[in-house]
Amino acid sequence: MLKEIQNCFHQDKVLYSKHAKTEMETEEFGIIREGEVLEAILKGKIINEYFDDTPYPSCLILGKTNKNRPLHIVSAYSAEEDMSIIITVYEPDPKKWIDFERRKT
C-alpha cells in the first residue's frame, strides 16, 4: 500500500480529510505543512496496517521530514479512484513512543 500512496503524492492525487487539516494546524509541536507530509511519506515506512478500516483499508506511516521531524500519517488508498486519503497527521510524542514506532506501555 505504501508504494501506491507514494505514487499518489507524485501525481498530486491526495485528499486531506478535514480532521487531518485541523490536526496539522493545531499540532502541539508546531504546525505541520503539506510539504512536510510529502517529505515524510516519500521517506516513510508502514508501522501498522488497518485492513478492516472502511471505506478503505488504511495504514500508519512513520516518516521524517528533510529537517528530521518525525511524523505519523494515517492514510488510506482508494484503488477505484487511485487516490490517497490522509486521515490524520501528527508529530508523535517521544515520551509515548519508542523510536516513534512502538507505543510505550
C-alpha atoms as a PDB file:
ATOM      1  CA  MET A   1       0.000   0.000   0.000  1.00  0.00           C
ATOM      2  CA  LEU A   2       2.899   2.393   0.688  1.00  0.00           C
ATOM      3  CA  LYS A   3       4.047   2.368  -2.931  1.00  0.00           C
ATOM      4  CA  GLU A   4       0.516   3.272  -4.125  1.00  0.00           C
ATOM      5  CA  ILE A   5       0.277   6.102  -1.587  1.00  0.00           C
ATOM      6  CA  GLN A   6       3.684   7.440  -2.596  1.00  0.00           C
ATOM      7  CA  ASN A   7       2.685   7.304  -6.271  1.00  0.00           C
ATOM      8  CA  CYS A   8      -0.440   9.325  -5.466  1.00  0.00           C
ATOM      9  CA  PHE A   9       1.741  12.023  -3.904  1.00  0.00           C
ATOM     10  CA  HIS A  10       3.911  12.107  -7.038  1.00  0.00           C
ATOM     11  CA  GLN A  11       0.764  12.520  -9.167  1.00  0.00           C
ATOM     12  CA  ASP A  12      -0.948  15.046  -6.851  1.00  0.00           C
ATOM     13  CA  LYS A  13      -3.811  12.622  -6.163  1.00  0.00           C
ATOM     14  CA  VAL A  14      -4.097  13.286  -2.443  1.00  0.00           C
ATOM     15  CA  LEU A  15      -7.136  14.249  -0.405  1.00  0.00           C
ATOM     16  CA  TYR A  16      -6.708  15.590   3.133  1.00  0.00           C
ATOM     17  CA  SER A  17      -9.628  14.970   5.470  1.00  0.00           C
ATOM     18  CA  LYS A  18     -10.947  17.896   7.483  1.00  0.00           C
ATOM     19  CA  HIS A  19      -9.667  16.102  10.588  1.00  0.00           C
ATOM     20  CA  ALA A  20      -6.145  15.861   9.123  1.00  0.00           C
ATOM     21  CA  LYS A  21      -6.121  19.566   8.232  1.00  0.00           C
ATOM     22  CA  THR A  22      -7.257  20.524  11.731  1.00  0.00           C
ATOM     23  CA  GLU A  23      -4.641  18.290  13.360  1.00  0.00           C
ATOM     24  CA  MET A  24      -1.920  19.748  11.133  1.00  0.00           C
ATOM     25  CA  GLU A  25      -2.919  23.326  12.003  1.00  0.00           C
ATOM     26  CA  THR A  26      -3.176  22.697  15.749  1.00  0.00           C
ATOM     27  CA  GLU A  27      -0.277  20.255  16.285  1.00  0.00           C
ATOM     28  CA  GLU A  28       1.170  20.798  19.776  1.00  0.00           C
ATOM     29  CA  PHE A  29       4.773  20.618  18.478  1.00  0.00           C
ATOM     30  CA  GLY A  30       4.110  23.169  15.715  1.00  0.00           C
ATOM     31  CA  ILE A  31       2.097  23.471  12.526  1.00  0.00           C
ATOM     32  CA  ILE A  32       2.613  20.656  10.018  1.00  0.00           C
ATOM     33  CA  ARG A  33       2.749  21.765   6.405  1.00  0.00           C
ATOM     34  CA  GLU A  34       1.684  19.699   3.388  1.00  0.00           C
ATOM     35  CA  GLY A  35       5.266  19.782   2.114  1.00  0.00           C
ATOM     36  CA  GLU A  36       6.397  18.091   5.321  1.00  0.00           C
ATOM     37  CA  VAL A  37       3.767  15.395   4.847  1.00  0.00           C
ATOM     38  CA  LEU A  38       5.084  14.809   1.325  1.00  0.00           C
ATOM     39  CA  GLU A  39       8.667  14.514   2.588  1.00  0.00           C
ATOM     40  CA  ALA A  40       7.651  12.087   5.342  1.00  0.00           C
ATOM     41  CA  ILE A  41       5.523   9.945   3.010  1.00  0.00           C
ATOM     42  CA  LEU A  42       8.297   9.622   0.435  1.00  0.00           C
ATOM     43  CA  LYS A  43      10.790   8.525   3.118  1.00  0.00           C
ATOM     44  CA  GLY A  44       8.248   6.646   5.197  1.00  0.00           C
ATOM     45  CA  LYS A  45       7.549   3.112   6.234  1.00  0.00           C
ATOM     46  CA  ILE A  46       4.378   1.409   7.379  1.00  0.00           C
ATOM     47  CA  ILE A  47       4.405   0.647  11.097  1.00  0.00           C
ATOM     48  CA  ASN A  48       0.801  -0.546  11.403  1.00  0.00           C
ATOM     49  CA  GLU A  49      -1.917  -1.660   8.991  1.00  0.00           C
ATOM     50  CA  TYR A  50      -5.674  -1.411   9.459  1.00  0.00           C
ATOM     51  CA  PHE A  51      -7.089  -3.828   6.895  1.00  0.00           C
ATOM     52  CA  ASP A  52     -10.619  -3.665   8.330  1.00  0.00           C
ATOM     53  CA  ASP A  53     -10.969   0.122   8.107  1.00  0.00           C
ATOM     54  CA  THR A  54     -13.840   1.323   5.960  1.00  0.00           C
ATOM     55  CA  PRO A  55     -14.470   2.508   3.382  1.00  0.00           C
ATOM     56  CA  TYR A  56     -10.796   1.767   2.569  1.00  0.00           C
ATOM     57  CA  PRO A  57      -8.033  -0.114   4.359  1.00  0.00           C
ATOM     58  CA  SER A  58      -5.509   2.265   5.886  1.00  0.00           C
ATOM     59  CA  CYS A  59      -2.078   2.276   7.461  1.00  0.00           C
ATOM     60  CA  LEU A  60       0.060   4.233   9.896  1.00  0.00           C
ATOM     61  CA  ILE A  61       3.182   5.561   8.241  1.00  0.00           C
ATOM     62  CA  LEU A  62       6.238   6.830  10.092  1.00  0.00           C
ATOM     63  CA  GLY A  63       8.344   9.221   8.089  1.00  0.00           C
ATOM     64  CA  LYS A  64      10.758  12.049   8.680  1.00  0.00           C
ATOM     65  CA  THR A  65      10.887  15.417   7.002  1.00  0.00           C
ATOM     66  CA  ASN A  66      14.018  16.823   5.402  1.00  0.00           C
ATOM     67  CA  LYS A  67      14.672  18.538   8.768  1.00  0.00           C
ATOM     68  CA  ASN A  68      14.382  15.138  10.522  1.00  0.00           C
ATOM     69  CA  ARG A  69      10.987  15.904  12.081  1.00  0.00           C
ATOM     70  CA  PRO A  70       9.159  12.615  12.734  1.00  0.00           C
ATOM     71  CA  LEU A  71       5.551  12.423  11.557  1.00  0.00           C
ATOM     72  CA  HIS A  72       2.854   9.813  11.878  1.00  0.00           C
ATOM     73  CA  ILE A  73       0.443   9.782   8.969  1.00  0.00           C
ATOM     74  CA  VAL A  74      -2.651   7.633   8.780  1.00  0.00           C
ATOM     75  CA  SER A  75      -3.518   7.203   5.133  1.00  0.00           C
ATOM     76  CA  ALA A  76      -5.947   5.125   3.128  1.00  0.00           C
ATOM     77  CA  TYR A  77      -5.705   4.222  -0.532  1.00  0.00           C
ATOM     78  CA  SER A  78      -8.653   4.056  -2.899  1.00  0.00           C
ATOM     79  CA  ALA A  79      -7.805   1.770  -5.793  1.00  0.00           C
ATOM     80  CA  GLU A  80     -11.055   2.762  -7.552  1.00  0.00           C
ATOM     81  CA  GLU A  81     -10.028   6.399  -7.676  1.00  0.00           C
ATOM     82  CA  ASP A  82      -6.252   5.860  -7.485  1.00  0.00           C
ATOM     83  CA  MET A  83      -6.221   8.382  -4.639  1.00  0.00           C
ATOM     84  CA  SER A  84      -4.556   8.629  -1.254  1.00  0.00           C
ATOM     85  CA  ILE A  85      -6.746   9.885   1.584  1.00  0.00           C
ATOM     86  CA  ILE A  86      -4.899  11.433   4.509  1.00  0.00           C
ATOM     87  CA  ILE A  87      -6.943  10.692   7.610  1.00  0.00           C
ATOM     88  CA  THR A  88      -4.712  12.271  10.231  1.00  0.00           C
ATOM     89  CA  VAL A  89      -1.200  13.622  10.687  1.00  0.00           C
ATOM     90  CA  TYR A  90       0.658  14.329  13.908  1.00  0.00           C
ATOM     91  CA  GLU A  91       4.122  14.512  15.385  1.00  0.00           C
ATOM     92  CA  PRO A  92       4.499  11.585  17.781  1.00  0.00           C
ATOM     93  CA  ASP A  93       5.363  12.497  21.357  1.00  0.00           C
ATOM     94  CA  PRO A  94       8.759  10.921  22.179  1.00  0.00           C
ATOM     95  CA  LYS A  95       7.531  10.357  25.750  1.00  0.00           C
ATOM     96  CA  LYS A  96       4.862   7.986  24.375  1.00  0.00           C
ATOM     97  CA  TRP A  97       6.798   6.173  21.629  1.00  0.00           C
ATOM     98  CA  ILE A  98       9.904   4.005  21.371  1.00  0.00           C
ATOM     99  CA  ASP A  99      11.830   5.180  18.294  1.00  0.00           C
ATOM    100  CA  PHE A 100       8.483   6.623  17.145  1.00  0.00           C
ATOM    101  CA  GLU A 101       7.490   3.089  16.058  1.00  0.00           C
ATOM    102  CA  ARG A 102       6.085   1.371  19.145  1.00  0.00           C
ATOM    103  CA  ARG A 103       3.931   2.810  21.897  1.00  0.00           C
ATOM    104  CA  LYS A 104       5.465   2.740  25.343  1.00  0.00           C
ATOM    105  CA  THR A 105       3.491   0.712  27.845  1.00  0.00           C
END
